[in-house]
Amino acid sequence: MLGDLSWLHVGILAVSMQRPLSSLPLSSSVTVKLHGAGFQFAADLLHLSPPQLGQEAGLTQQEALQVLQIVERGGGGGGGGGGVCSSLTALELLQKEEDLRSIVTFCSQLDAALGGGIPIGKTTEICGVPGVGKTQLCLQLSVDVQVPQCFGGVEGQVVFIDTEGTFVLQRVVDIAAAAVRHCSLLAEDEEQRAAVATFTVETILSNILLIRCHDYVELLAELHLLPRLLSDRPRVRLLVIDSVAAPFRLLFDNLSQRTRLLGGISQQLAAAATGRRIAVAITNQMTTRLLPGGSSQLVPALGELWGHAPTVRLLLQWEGPRRLATLLKSPAHPEATVQYQITADGFRDADESEQPHSKRPRTDTDQSEAGAGEAGS
């Protein structure tokens, strides 16, 4: 019996360590300082002494001591913590997963490699060098998430967090117009014709909430407010961050602080994806890794620890004049590489003269390649 109580105590302690610091009875000024130093959860403060915490977070010795005492007590009765753990059978989990649809990319071969498209309920990282099409794919997804359900879409809204100023409104208009034409040509029954009547460029634009963040502090603030934002907008099915690396590019002399900040971001995004049943798409840049012997290779930025954060990792890259998308990481699908192109209408299959026959329905816009070289970031 004593052993059972010991294990119960350990379980309760583990739950309390996962509590967000914002849920603890701390003053707002102390909470802001802790978040600014990269501390997001109670577990982040483990093994820190009051002097260490005071130095890293800019707190007085007394403030640091009080914070650590509150954490040690498990929050002292503060509200809104970890809550009661829920449980599901594997069958129930499978049924919940099957109820979630994917967001198509309008590139049929990439959709096939991903098992239907960008998965809802998971985080997908899109990495690649500048100009390869990361932002173009994000803009395409921002339109595609709104495709009516009668056409196989999810009919949702999108929150687009732009950290680099790469959200080009005219490109969204072009991609939206192409998607509307595509669905209009596919409409066969009364339900689909009625859906097309309300699936317009204007409604697509009205369902995209654009948030501009100029630095990592603004990004952290927006993610802190994200749960309330998603509660106010229950139709949101996609969160885009383009890009997650940009705010941290000139940061940090303190690498441990950057690691904590990114760790907190990854947990927030995972909680949003699973808890709110949304797809999270984040773009990442590339950096050079030096190898033994003096050689080097391009790898996704932000380090190996960050590489474990996304559920799915997609690499967009050049091979001569061709654009290739490689599925590097997925819990359910094998590694695969497909070719794609950026047309005036958006993210599409590569030219059929270069690819095996695609089963994607042909439209009068599929052959348009004007502007293939524009805004390809």
Protein backbone atom coordinates (compact mmCIF):
# COMPACT_ATOMS: atom_id res chain seq x y z
CA MET A 1 0.00 0.00 0.00
CA LEU A 2 2.86 2.34 0.85
CA GLY A 3 4.42 1.62 -2.53
CA ASP A 4 1.14 2.47 -4.29
CA LEU A 5 0.98 5.81 -2.47
CA SER A 6 4.57 6.51 -3.44
CA TRP A 7 3.79 5.94 -7.11
CA LEU A 8 0.67 8.12 -6.78
CA HIS A 9 2.80 10.91 -5.34
CA VAL A 10 5.25 10.62 -8.23
CA GLY A 11 2.38 10.75 -10.73
CA ILE A 12 0.88 13.87 -9.14
CA LEU A 13 4.30 15.53 -9.10
CA ALA A 14 4.85 14.71 -12.78
CA VAL A 15 1.51 16.28 -13.70
CA SER A 16 2.24 19.43 -11.68
CA MET A 17 5.61 19.84 -13.39
CA GLN A 18 3.82 20.10 -16.76
CA ARG A 19 1.72 23.05 -15.61
CA PRO A 20 2.21 26.28 -17.56
CA LEU A 21 3.79 28.97 -15.42
CA SER A 22 0.95 31.29 -16.45
CA SER A 23 -1.44 29.06 -14.47
CA LEU A 24 0.50 29.51 -11.22
CA PRO A 25 -0.36 32.25 -8.68
CA LEU A 26 2.48 34.55 -9.77
CA SER A 27 2.38 38.28 -10.37
CA SER A 28 2.09 39.37 -14.00
CA SER A 29 5.48 41.11 -13.89
CA VAL A 30 7.21 37.94 -12.65
CA THR A 31 5.39 35.80 -15.26
CA VAL A 32 6.47 38.16 -18.06
CA LYS A 33 10.10 37.98 -16.91
CA LEU A 34 9.99 34.18 -16.73
CA HIS A 35 8.48 33.90 -20.23
CA GLY A 36 11.00 36.39 -21.59
CA ALA A 37 13.82 34.21 -20.28
CA GLY A 38 12.33 31.15 -21.99
CA PHE A 39 10.65 29.49 -19.01
CA GLN A 40 7.20 28.20 -19.98
CA PHE A 41 6.43 25.25 -17.69
CA ALA A 42 7.08 24.34 -14.08
CA ALA A 43 9.45 21.60 -15.23
CA ASP A 44 11.71 24.25 -16.78
CA LEU A 45 12.62 25.45 -13.28
CA LEU A 46 13.77 22.10 -11.96
CA HIS A 47 17.34 21.99 -10.59
CA LEU A 48 17.62 25.79 -10.52
CA SER A 49 18.68 27.58 -7.35
CA PRO A 50 17.22 31.01 -6.44
CA PRO A 51 20.44 32.83 -7.48
CA GLN A 52 20.52 31.00 -10.83
CA LEU A 53 16.84 31.73 -11.54
CA GLY A 54 17.25 35.36 -10.46
CA GLN A 55 20.21 35.87 -12.77
CA GLU A 56 18.61 34.23 -15.83
CA ALA A 57 15.15 35.79 -15.46
CA GLY A 58 16.12 39.16 -13.99
CA LEU A 59 14.33 38.51 -10.68
CA THR A 60 15.30 39.57 -7.21
CA GLN A 61 16.52 36.89 -4.82
CA GLN A 62 13.23 37.06 -2.92
CA GLU A 63 11.12 36.80 -6.10
CA ALA A 64 13.12 33.82 -7.35
CA LEU A 65 12.76 32.06 -3.99
CA GLN A 66 8.98 32.61 -3.97
CA VAL A 67 8.66 31.27 -7.54
CA LEU A 68 10.56 28.08 -6.69
CA GLN A 69 8.52 27.58 -3.49
CA ILE A 70 5.24 27.89 -5.43
CA VAL A 71 6.48 25.42 -8.04
CA GLU A 72 7.59 23.00 -5.34
CA ARG A 73 4.12 23.14 -3.76
CA GLY A 74 2.59 22.33 -7.13
CA GLY A 75 1.00 25.75 -7.60
CA GLY A 76 -0.46 26.31 -4.17
CA GLY A 77 -4.00 25.74 -5.37
CA GLY A 78 -3.77 28.10 -8.34
CA GLY A 79 -6.39 27.40 -10.98
CA GLY A 80 -6.20 26.09 -14.47
CA GLY A 81 -3.38 23.60 -14.21
CA GLY A 82 -2.84 20.20 -15.65
CA GLY A 83 -6.36 18.92 -14.97
CA VAL A 84 -7.37 15.29 -14.72
CA CYS A 85 -5.64 12.91 -17.09
CA SER A 86 -7.94 11.42 -19.73
CA SER A 87 -7.69 7.93 -21.16
CA LEU A 88 -8.69 6.33 -24.46
CA THR A 89 -8.57 2.83 -25.85
CA ALA A 90 -6.47 2.32 -28.96
CA LEU A 91 -9.68 1.68 -30.93
CA GLU A 92 -11.20 4.97 -29.77
CA LEU A 93 -8.00 6.78 -30.72
CA LEU A 94 -8.09 5.17 -34.18
CA GLN A 95 -11.68 6.25 -34.68
CA LYS A 96 -10.84 9.82 -33.66
CA GLU A 97 -7.92 9.88 -36.10
CA GLU A 98 -10.11 8.59 -38.93
CA ASP A 99 -12.62 11.39 -38.29
CA LEU A 100 -9.92 13.99 -38.98
CA ARG A 101 -9.48 14.90 -42.63
CA SER A 102 -6.29 16.10 -44.25
CA ILE A 103 -5.77 19.38 -46.10
CA VAL A 104 -4.93 18.75 -49.75
CA THR A 105 -2.01 20.56 -51.38
CA PHE A 106 -3.33 20.42 -54.98
CA CYS A 107 -0.22 18.38 -55.82
CA SER A 108 -1.69 14.88 -56.08
CA GLN A 109 1.63 13.04 -55.76
CA LEU A 110 2.55 14.93 -52.61
CA ASP A 111 -0.92 14.31 -51.19
CA ALA A 112 -0.46 10.58 -51.88
CA ALA A 113 2.93 10.55 -50.12
CA LEU A 114 1.37 12.30 -47.10
CA GLY A 115 -1.61 9.94 -47.00
CA GLY A 116 -4.13 12.51 -48.22
CA GLY A 117 -2.46 15.84 -47.49
CA ILE A 118 -1.26 17.88 -44.51
CA PRO A 119 -2.70 16.04 -41.47
CA ILE A 120 -5.05 17.71 -39.01
CA GLY A 121 -4.13 17.10 -35.38
CA LYS A 122 -0.40 17.11 -36.10
CA THR A 123 2.43 19.59 -36.69
CA THR A 124 4.11 19.63 -40.11
CA GLU A 125 7.41 21.39 -40.72
CA ILE A 126 8.17 22.62 -44.25
CA CYS A 127 11.87 23.36 -44.65
CA GLY A 128 14.00 24.44 -47.58
CA VAL A 129 16.23 27.12 -49.04
CA PRO A 130 14.84 30.55 -50.04
CA GLY A 131 12.85 30.58 -53.27
CA VAL A 132 11.98 26.88 -53.34
CA GLY A 133 8.28 27.31 -52.51
CA LYS A 134 7.77 27.11 -48.73
CA THR A 135 5.60 30.22 -48.52
CA GLN A 136 3.78 29.24 -51.72
CA LEU A 137 2.75 25.94 -50.12
CA CYS A 138 1.57 27.77 -46.99
CA LEU A 139 -0.53 30.18 -49.07
CA GLN A 140 -1.95 27.20 -50.99
CA LEU A 141 -2.89 25.45 -47.75
CA SER A 142 -4.52 28.64 -46.45
CA VAL A 143 -6.89 28.46 -49.43
CA ASP A 144 -7.27 24.67 -49.57
CA VAL A 145 -8.33 24.37 -45.92
CA GLN A 146 -11.48 26.26 -46.93
CA VAL A 147 -12.57 23.83 -49.68
CA PRO A 148 -16.21 22.80 -48.94
CA GLN A 149 -16.77 19.41 -47.33
CA CYS A 150 -18.87 18.18 -50.25
CA PHE A 151 -15.69 18.40 -52.37
CA GLY A 152 -13.67 16.46 -49.78
CA GLY A 153 -12.34 19.52 -47.97
CA VAL A 154 -12.50 20.54 -44.32
CA GLU A 155 -14.27 23.90 -44.82
CA GLY A 156 -12.29 25.66 -42.10
CA GLN A 157 -10.58 28.94 -41.36
CA VAL A 158 -6.87 29.72 -40.98
CA VAL A 159 -4.64 31.73 -38.68
CA PHE A 160 -1.52 32.83 -40.58
CA ILE A 161 1.39 34.14 -38.45
CA ASP A 162 3.84 35.95 -40.74
CA THR A 163 7.27 36.60 -39.22
CA GLU A 164 9.11 37.62 -42.41
CA GLY A 165 6.64 39.81 -44.29
CA THR A 166 6.27 37.21 -47.06
CA PHE A 167 2.46 37.11 -47.11
CA VAL A 168 1.67 38.44 -50.60
CA LEU A 169 -2.01 39.25 -50.94
CA GLN A 170 -2.09 39.10 -54.76
CA ARG A 171 -0.71 35.55 -54.69
CA VAL A 172 -3.50 34.54 -52.31
CA VAL A 173 -6.04 36.10 -54.66
CA ASP A 174 -4.59 34.17 -57.64
CA ILE A 175 -4.52 30.87 -55.73
CA ALA A 176 -8.05 31.42 -54.40
CA ALA A 177 -9.43 32.22 -57.85
CA ALA A 178 -7.87 29.03 -59.24
CA ALA A 179 -9.36 26.94 -56.41
CA VAL A 180 -12.81 28.45 -57.01
CA ARG A 181 -12.59 27.66 -60.75
CA HIS A 182 -11.43 24.13 -59.93
CA CYS A 183 -14.42 23.42 -57.68
CA SER A 184 -16.83 25.07 -60.13
CA LEU A 185 -15.76 22.66 -62.86
CA LEU A 186 -16.13 19.67 -60.53
CA ALA A 187 -19.61 20.59 -59.25
CA GLU A 188 -22.08 17.85 -60.23
CA ASP A 189 -25.03 17.86 -57.83
CA GLU A 190 -27.17 20.48 -56.15
CA GLU A 191 -25.17 20.40 -52.90
CA GLN A 192 -21.91 21.09 -54.69
CA ARG A 193 -23.41 23.84 -56.85
CA ALA A 194 -24.79 25.50 -53.71
CA ALA A 195 -21.38 25.24 -52.02
CA VAL A 196 -19.64 26.84 -55.01
CA ALA A 197 -22.00 29.82 -54.76
CA THR A 198 -20.53 30.69 -51.35
CA PHE A 199 -16.96 29.53 -52.08
CA THR A 200 -15.65 32.79 -53.53
CA VAL A 201 -12.41 34.74 -53.47
CA GLU A 202 -13.99 37.24 -51.06
CA THR A 203 -15.08 34.57 -48.55
CA ILE A 204 -11.68 32.88 -48.79
CA LEU A 205 -9.90 36.13 -47.95
CA SER A 206 -12.31 36.85 -45.08
CA ASN A 207 -11.47 33.47 -43.51
CA ILE A 208 -7.72 34.15 -43.33
CA LEU A 209 -6.65 35.90 -40.12
CA LEU A 210 -3.21 37.42 -40.72
CA ILE A 211 -0.94 38.20 -37.74
CA ARG A 212 2.39 39.96 -38.33
CA CYS A 213 5.15 39.28 -35.77
CA HIS A 214 8.41 41.24 -36.00
CA ASP A 215 10.48 39.43 -33.37
CA TYR A 216 10.46 36.46 -31.04
CA VAL A 217 8.81 38.44 -28.21
CA GLU A 218 5.77 39.18 -30.39
CA LEU A 219 5.67 35.55 -31.55
CA LEU A 220 5.72 34.28 -27.96
CA ALA A 221 2.96 36.74 -27.05
CA GLU A 222 0.74 35.58 -29.91
CA LEU A 223 1.25 31.91 -29.03
CA HIS A 224 0.42 32.73 -25.41
CA LEU A 225 -2.90 34.19 -26.60
CA LEU A 226 -3.50 31.37 -29.10
CA PRO A 227 -5.81 29.22 -26.91
CA ARG A 228 -8.19 32.14 -26.40
CA LEU A 229 -8.03 33.02 -30.11
CA LEU A 230 -8.89 29.46 -31.13
CA SER A 231 -11.73 29.36 -28.59
CA ASP A 232 -13.18 32.51 -30.17
CA ARG A 233 -12.78 31.03 -33.67
CA PRO A 234 -13.94 27.38 -33.46
CA ARG A 235 -13.86 26.97 -37.26
CA VAL A 236 -10.07 27.38 -37.46
CA ARG A 237 -8.55 24.19 -38.87
CA LEU A 238 -5.09 25.46 -39.83
CA LEU A 239 -2.37 27.43 -38.07
CA VAL A 240 0.55 28.61 -40.22
CA ILE A 241 3.81 30.08 -38.89
CA ASP A 242 6.01 31.35 -41.73
CA SER A 243 8.67 31.07 -40.48
CA VAL A 244 9.52 29.83 -37.02
CA ALA A 245 13.27 30.32 -37.59
CA ALA A 246 13.23 33.99 -38.60
CA PRO A 247 12.60 35.48 -35.12
CA PHE A 248 15.50 33.44 -33.71
CA ARG A 249 17.95 34.07 -36.54
CA LEU A 250 19.77 36.91 -34.80
CA LEU A 251 19.20 35.39 -31.36
CA PHE A 252 20.88 34.24 -29.08
CA ASP A 253 24.12 34.58 -27.23
CA ASN A 254 22.39 32.45 -24.61
CA LEU A 255 21.77 29.15 -26.44
CA SER A 256 20.12 27.56 -23.42
CA GLN A 257 17.53 30.34 -23.45
CA ARG A 258 16.84 29.77 -27.14
CA THR A 259 16.47 26.05 -26.52
CA ARG A 260 13.95 26.66 -23.74
CA LEU A 261 11.98 29.11 -25.87
CA LEU A 262 11.81 26.69 -28.80
CA GLY A 263 10.90 23.85 -26.44
CA GLY A 264 8.02 25.90 -25.09
CA ILE A 265 6.87 26.77 -28.63
CA SER A 266 6.92 23.11 -29.70
CA GLN A 267 4.77 22.11 -26.71
CA GLN A 268 2.30 24.92 -27.37
CA LEU A 269 1.96 23.95 -31.03
CA ALA A 270 1.54 20.27 -30.22
CA ALA A 271 -1.14 21.11 -27.64
CA ALA A 272 -2.97 23.29 -30.17
CA ALA A 273 -2.83 20.62 -32.87
CA THR A 274 -4.14 17.80 -30.71
CA GLY A 275 -6.38 19.73 -28.33
CA ARG A 276 -8.05 21.97 -30.93
CA ARG A 277 -8.04 19.47 -33.82
CA ILE A 278 -6.17 21.74 -36.19
CA ALA A 279 -3.28 21.28 -38.61
CA VAL A 280 -0.15 23.22 -37.71
CA ALA A 281 2.18 24.07 -40.62
CA ILE A 282 5.48 25.78 -39.83
CA THR A 283 8.28 26.72 -42.18
CA ASN A 284 11.95 26.47 -41.30
CA GLN A 285 15.11 27.70 -42.97
CA MET A 286 18.27 25.77 -43.79
CA THR A 287 21.72 26.13 -42.27
CA THR A 288 25.16 24.70 -43.02
CA ARG A 289 26.50 21.87 -40.89
CA LEU A 290 30.24 21.23 -40.98
CA LEU A 291 31.21 17.58 -41.37
CA PRO A 292 34.45 15.75 -40.55
CA GLY A 293 37.04 16.23 -43.26
CA GLY A 294 36.09 19.82 -43.99
CA SER A 295 32.95 19.04 -46.01
CA SER A 296 29.52 20.49 -45.26
CA GLN A 297 25.82 19.92 -45.91
CA LEU A 298 22.60 21.90 -45.70
CA VAL A 299 20.30 20.84 -42.86
CA PRO A 300 17.13 22.33 -41.32
CA ALA A 301 17.90 25.16 -38.91
CA LEU A 302 17.28 25.37 -35.13
CA GLY A 303 19.23 22.22 -34.21
CA GLU A 304 18.60 18.54 -33.69
CA LEU A 305 16.39 18.96 -30.61
CA TRP A 306 13.95 21.07 -32.61
CA GLY A 307 13.93 18.34 -35.27
CA HIS A 308 11.98 16.14 -32.85
CA ALA A 309 9.24 18.76 -32.42
CA PRO A 310 7.23 18.38 -35.66
CA THR A 311 5.29 15.19 -36.29
CA VAL A 312 5.90 15.43 -40.03
CA ARG A 313 8.94 17.00 -41.72
CA LEU A 314 8.84 17.95 -45.40
CA LEU A 315 11.95 19.12 -47.28
CA LEU A 316 11.55 21.24 -50.42
CA GLN A 317 14.70 21.37 -52.53
CA TRP A 318 16.11 22.02 -55.98
CA GLU A 319 17.60 19.36 -58.26
CA GLY A 320 18.84 21.38 -61.18
CA PRO A 321 15.75 23.14 -62.57
CA ARG A 322 13.36 20.69 -60.87
CA ARG A 323 11.63 21.26 -57.53
CA LEU A 324 11.46 18.17 -55.32
CA ALA A 325 9.50 17.56 -52.13
CA THR A 326 10.90 14.86 -49.83
CA LEU A 327 8.98 13.44 -46.90
CA LEU A 328 11.79 13.10 -44.34
CA LYS A 329 9.78 12.23 -41.26
CA SER A 330 6.34 10.75 -40.72
CA PRO A 331 4.96 8.32 -38.14
CA ALA A 332 2.70 6.63 -40.68
CA HIS A 333 4.28 6.93 -44.13
CA PRO A 334 7.66 5.96 -45.63
CA GLU A 335 10.17 8.44 -46.95
CA ALA A 336 9.24 9.55 -50.45
CA THR A 337 10.27 12.16 -53.01
CA VAL A 338 7.93 13.75 -55.57
CA GLN A 339 8.27 16.53 -58.08
CA TYR A 340 6.15 19.68 -58.00
CA GLN A 341 5.98 23.09 -59.62
CA ILE A 342 4.84 26.61 -58.73
CA THR A 343 2.45 28.00 -61.33
CA ALA A 344 0.39 31.17 -61.52
CA ASP A 345 -2.41 29.12 -59.94
CA GLY A 346 -0.32 27.88 -57.03
CA PHE A 347 1.34 24.69 -55.83
CA ARG A 348 0.80 21.94 -58.44
CA ASP A 349 2.00 18.63 -59.87
CA ALA A 350 5.02 18.86 -62.13
CA ASP A 351 4.44 19.10 -65.87
CA GLU A 352 2.94 15.84 -67.12
CA SER A 353 5.62 15.62 -69.79
CA GLU A 354 8.11 15.07 -66.96
CA GLN A 355 5.92 13.04 -64.61
CA PRO A 356 3.90 9.82 -64.78
CA HIS A 357 0.20 10.39 -65.49
CA SER A 358 -1.52 12.16 -62.59
CA LYS A 359 -5.01 11.18 -61.47
CA ARG A 360 -5.77 14.72 -60.35
CA PRO A 361 -8.81 16.12 -62.21
CA ARG A 362 -7.73 18.35 -65.10
CA THR A 363 -8.99 21.92 -65.24
CA ASP A 364 -8.53 24.76 -67.68
CA THR A 365 -6.00 26.30 -65.29
CA ASP A 366 -3.68 23.31 -64.93
CA GLN A 367 -1.53 24.13 -67.94
CA SER A 368 -0.90 27.74 -66.92
CA GLU A 369 2.74 28.18 -66.02
CA ALA A 370 2.88 31.96 -66.16
CA GLY A 371 4.61 33.38 -63.18
CA ALA A 372 6.31 30.07 -62.31
CA GLY A 373 9.37 31.94 -61.20
CA GLU A 374 7.63 34.61 -59.16
CA ALA A 375 7.32 34.67 -55.37
CA GLY A 376 8.65 31.14 -55.05
CA SER A 377 9.91 31.44 -51.49
